[in-house]
Amino acid sequence: MSIRDCFVTRFGTEQADNIEMAAIAHMNGIHDNPGSDPFKWALLICIGYQCISREEFRNYHRITVPLEEVKMWALEEGQLNTHDGDYDVLGLFAGAYDEWVTTNANLINNPR
């Protein structure tokens, strides 16, 4: 099962679509390479840009997944630390991903 399918099973297709649309809205020529898993990329972009964590951004992007539940899901099922595409580098060094991945080692070792 893909990471997207796993997310959809837990939180629904609409929420997965909203996360993908939010990430696409932040494409700017700097961190647009989704790597081998576009949904991991979308999650990481949304985490870095706080689309999932800040209430006003959650409302704007219609992201309604419970924050603590999606964080736990990311740690248990998301496999975000294996991402091989772009992400928000400034967000990484500001600690945006600390509560979302088991280790930032792969992101740090593969800067985008």
C-alpha atoms as a PDB file:
ATOM      1  CA  MET A   1       0.000   0.000   0.000  1.00  0.00           C
ATOM      2  CA  SER A   2       1.340   3.413  -0.918  1.00  0.00           C
ATOM      3  CA  ILE A   3       1.791   6.135   1.692  1.00  0.00           C
ATOM      4  CA  ARG A   4      -1.065   8.056   0.066  1.00  0.00           C
ATOM      5  CA  ASP A   5      -3.339   5.007   0.217  1.00  0.00           C
ATOM      6  CA  CYS A   6      -2.421   4.514   3.868  1.00  0.00           C
ATOM      7  CA  PHE A   7      -3.232   8.177   4.571  1.00  0.00           C
ATOM      8  CA  VAL A   8      -6.532   7.948   2.667  1.00  0.00           C
ATOM      9  CA  THR A   9      -7.522   4.859   4.642  1.00  0.00           C
ATOM     10  CA  ARG A  10      -7.000   6.760   7.882  1.00  0.00           C
ATOM     11  CA  PHE A  11      -8.058  10.327   6.991  1.00  0.00           C
ATOM     12  CA  GLY A  12      -9.946  10.219   3.677  1.00  0.00           C
ATOM     13  CA  THR A  13      -9.414  11.124   0.039  1.00  0.00           C
ATOM     14  CA  GLU A  14     -10.566  14.725   0.459  1.00  0.00           C
ATOM     15  CA  GLN A  15      -7.869  15.419   3.047  1.00  0.00           C
ATOM     16  CA  ALA A  16      -5.190  13.805   0.874  1.00  0.00           C
ATOM     17  CA  ASP A  17      -6.343  15.928  -2.065  1.00  0.00           C
ATOM     18  CA  ASN A  18      -6.300  19.093   0.069  1.00  0.00           C
ATOM     19  CA  ILE A  19      -2.737  18.394   1.200  1.00  0.00           C
ATOM     20  CA  GLU A  20      -1.632  17.829  -2.393  1.00  0.00           C
ATOM     21  CA  MET A  21      -3.323  21.044  -3.561  1.00  0.00           C
ATOM     22  CA  ALA A  22      -1.745  23.015  -0.702  1.00  0.00           C
ATOM     23  CA  ALA A  23       1.706  21.719  -1.613  1.00  0.00           C
ATOM     24  CA  ILE A  24       1.203  22.544  -5.284  1.00  0.00           C
ATOM     25  CA  ALA A  25       0.203  26.084  -4.260  1.00  0.00           C
ATOM     26  CA  HIS A  26       3.662  26.462  -2.701  1.00  0.00           C
ATOM     27  CA  MET A  27       5.614  25.347  -5.782  1.00  0.00           C
ATOM     28  CA  ASN A  28       8.097  28.070  -6.617  1.00  0.00           C
ATOM     29  CA  GLY A  29      10.921  26.525  -8.619  1.00  0.00           C
ATOM     30  CA  ILE A  30      13.013  25.789  -5.524  1.00  0.00           C
ATOM     31  CA  HIS A  31      11.502  22.688  -3.957  1.00  0.00           C
ATOM     32  CA  ASP A  32       9.306  21.273  -6.696  1.00  0.00           C
ATOM     33  CA  ASN A  33      10.892  17.836  -7.233  1.00  0.00           C
ATOM     34  CA  PRO A  34       8.538  15.275  -5.673  1.00  0.00           C
ATOM     35  CA  GLY A  35      11.067  12.448  -5.855  1.00  0.00           C
ATOM     36  CA  SER A  36       9.767   8.907  -6.058  1.00  0.00           C
ATOM     37  CA  ASP A  37       6.705   9.564  -3.870  1.00  0.00           C
ATOM     38  CA  PRO A  38       4.741  12.737  -4.644  1.00  0.00           C
ATOM     39  CA  PHE A  39       2.531  12.341  -1.562  1.00  0.00           C
ATOM     40  CA  LYS A  40       5.522  12.315   0.790  1.00  0.00           C
ATOM     41  CA  TRP A  41       6.677  15.473  -0.968  1.00  0.00           C
ATOM     42  CA  ALA A  42       3.245  17.070  -0.487  1.00  0.00           C
ATOM     43  CA  LEU A  43       3.228  16.189   3.216  1.00  0.00           C
ATOM     44  CA  LEU A  44       6.732  17.540   3.745  1.00  0.00           C
ATOM     45  CA  ILE A  45       5.990  20.777   1.904  1.00  0.00           C
ATOM     46  CA  CYS A  46       2.802  21.248   3.940  1.00  0.00           C
ATOM     47  CA  ILE A  47       4.646  20.526   7.172  1.00  0.00           C
ATOM     48  CA  GLY A  48       7.462  22.926   6.295  1.00  0.00           C
ATOM     49  CA  TYR A  49       5.036  25.674   5.314  1.00  0.00           C
ATOM     50  CA  GLN A  50       2.882  24.952   8.391  1.00  0.00           C
ATOM     51  CA  CYS A  51      -0.213  24.237   6.281  1.00  0.00           C
ATOM     52  CA  ILE A  52      -1.012  21.334   8.592  1.00  0.00           C
ATOM     53  CA  SER A  53      -0.017  22.877  11.909  1.00  0.00           C
ATOM     54  CA  ARG A  54      -1.085  26.563  11.942  1.00  0.00           C
ATOM     55  CA  GLU A  55      -4.811  27.053  12.345  1.00  0.00           C
ATOM     56  CA  GLU A  56      -5.163  29.886   9.830  1.00  0.00           C
ATOM     57  CA  PHE A  57      -3.277  27.903   7.168  1.00  0.00           C
ATOM     58  CA  ARG A  58      -5.241  24.732   7.972  1.00  0.00           C
ATOM     59  CA  ASN A  59      -8.463  26.682   7.463  1.00  0.00           C
ATOM     60  CA  TYR A  60      -7.237  28.268   4.231  1.00  0.00           C
ATOM     61  CA  HIS A  61      -6.266  24.890   2.727  1.00  0.00           C
ATOM     62  CA  ARG A  62      -9.279  23.057   4.242  1.00  0.00           C
ATOM     63  CA  ILE A  63      -7.026  20.646   6.116  1.00  0.00           C
ATOM     64  CA  THR A  64      -9.103  19.243   8.958  1.00  0.00           C
ATOM     65  CA  VAL A  65      -7.180  16.134  10.004  1.00  0.00           C
ATOM     66  CA  PRO A  66      -6.625  16.258  13.773  1.00  0.00           C
ATOM     67  CA  LEU A  67      -3.103  17.589  14.208  1.00  0.00           C
ATOM     68  CA  GLU A  68      -1.922  15.157  16.881  1.00  0.00           C
ATOM     69  CA  GLU A  69      -3.434  12.188  15.021  1.00  0.00           C
ATOM     70  CA  VAL A  70      -1.733  13.060  11.750  1.00  0.00           C
ATOM     71  CA  LYS A  71       1.594  13.600  13.559  1.00  0.00           C
ATOM     72  CA  MET A  72       1.297  10.157  15.139  1.00  0.00           C
ATOM     73  CA  TRP A  73       0.341   8.667  11.777  1.00  0.00           C
ATOM     74  CA  ALA A  74       3.379  10.326  10.163  1.00  0.00           C
ATOM     75  CA  LEU A  75       5.693   8.816  12.778  1.00  0.00           C
ATOM     76  CA  GLU A  76       4.134   5.356  12.599  1.00  0.00           C
ATOM     77  CA  GLU A  77       3.171   5.051   8.927  1.00  0.00           C
ATOM     78  CA  GLY A  78       4.395   8.043   6.908  1.00  0.00           C
ATOM     79  CA  GLN A  79       7.995   6.954   6.317  1.00  0.00           C
ATOM     80  CA  LEU A  80       8.841  10.615   5.713  1.00  0.00           C
ATOM     81  CA  ASN A  81      12.468  10.059   6.682  1.00  0.00           C
ATOM     82  CA  THR A  82      12.902   7.977   3.501  1.00  0.00           C
ATOM     83  CA  HIS A  83      11.846  10.816   1.189  1.00  0.00           C
ATOM     84  CA  ASP A  84      14.157  11.337  -1.791  1.00  0.00           C
ATOM     85  CA  GLY A  85      12.712  14.528  -3.275  1.00  0.00           C
ATOM     86  CA  ASP A  86      12.598  18.173  -2.322  1.00  0.00           C
ATOM     87  CA  TYR A  87      11.350  19.631   0.939  1.00  0.00           C
ATOM     88  CA  ASP A  88      11.522  22.960   2.745  1.00  0.00           C
ATOM     89  CA  VAL A  89      15.192  23.198   3.757  1.00  0.00           C
ATOM     90  CA  LEU A  90      14.631  26.278   5.916  1.00  0.00           C
ATOM     91  CA  GLY A  91      11.802  24.415   7.636  1.00  0.00           C
ATOM     92  CA  LEU A  92      14.138  21.496   8.285  1.00  0.00           C
ATOM     93  CA  PHE A  93      16.755  23.639   9.982  1.00  0.00           C
ATOM     94  CA  ALA A  94      14.072  25.566  11.894  1.00  0.00           C
ATOM     95  CA  GLY A  95      12.859  22.258  13.360  1.00  0.00           C
ATOM     96  CA  ALA A  96       9.573  22.051  11.465  1.00  0.00           C
ATOM     97  CA  TYR A  97      10.005  18.325  10.842  1.00  0.00           C
ATOM     98  CA  ASP A  98      11.233  17.314  14.300  1.00  0.00           C
ATOM     99  CA  GLU A  99       7.853  16.043  15.511  1.00  0.00           C
ATOM    100  CA  TRP A 100       6.975  14.403  12.187  1.00  0.00           C
ATOM    101  CA  VAL A 101       9.850  12.064  11.341  1.00  0.00           C
ATOM    102  CA  THR A 102      11.759   9.524  13.396  1.00  0.00           C
ATOM    103  CA  THR A 103      15.040  10.991  12.180  1.00  0.00           C
ATOM    104  CA  ASN A 104      15.961  13.854   9.895  1.00  0.00           C
ATOM    105  CA  ALA A 105      19.131  12.057   8.816  1.00  0.00           C
ATOM    106  CA  ASN A 106      17.988  11.238   5.285  1.00  0.00           C
ATOM    107  CA  LEU A 107      16.671  14.750   4.720  1.00  0.00           C
ATOM    108  CA  ILE A 108      19.893  16.299   6.017  1.00  0.00           C
ATOM    109  CA  ASN A 109      22.080  13.915   4.015  1.00  0.00           C
ATOM    110  CA  ASN A 110      20.129  14.635   0.823  1.00  0.00           C
ATOM    111  CA  PRO A 111      19.660  18.423   0.887  1.00  0.00           C
ATOM    112  CA  ARG A 112      17.497  19.922  -1.808  1.00  0.00           C
END
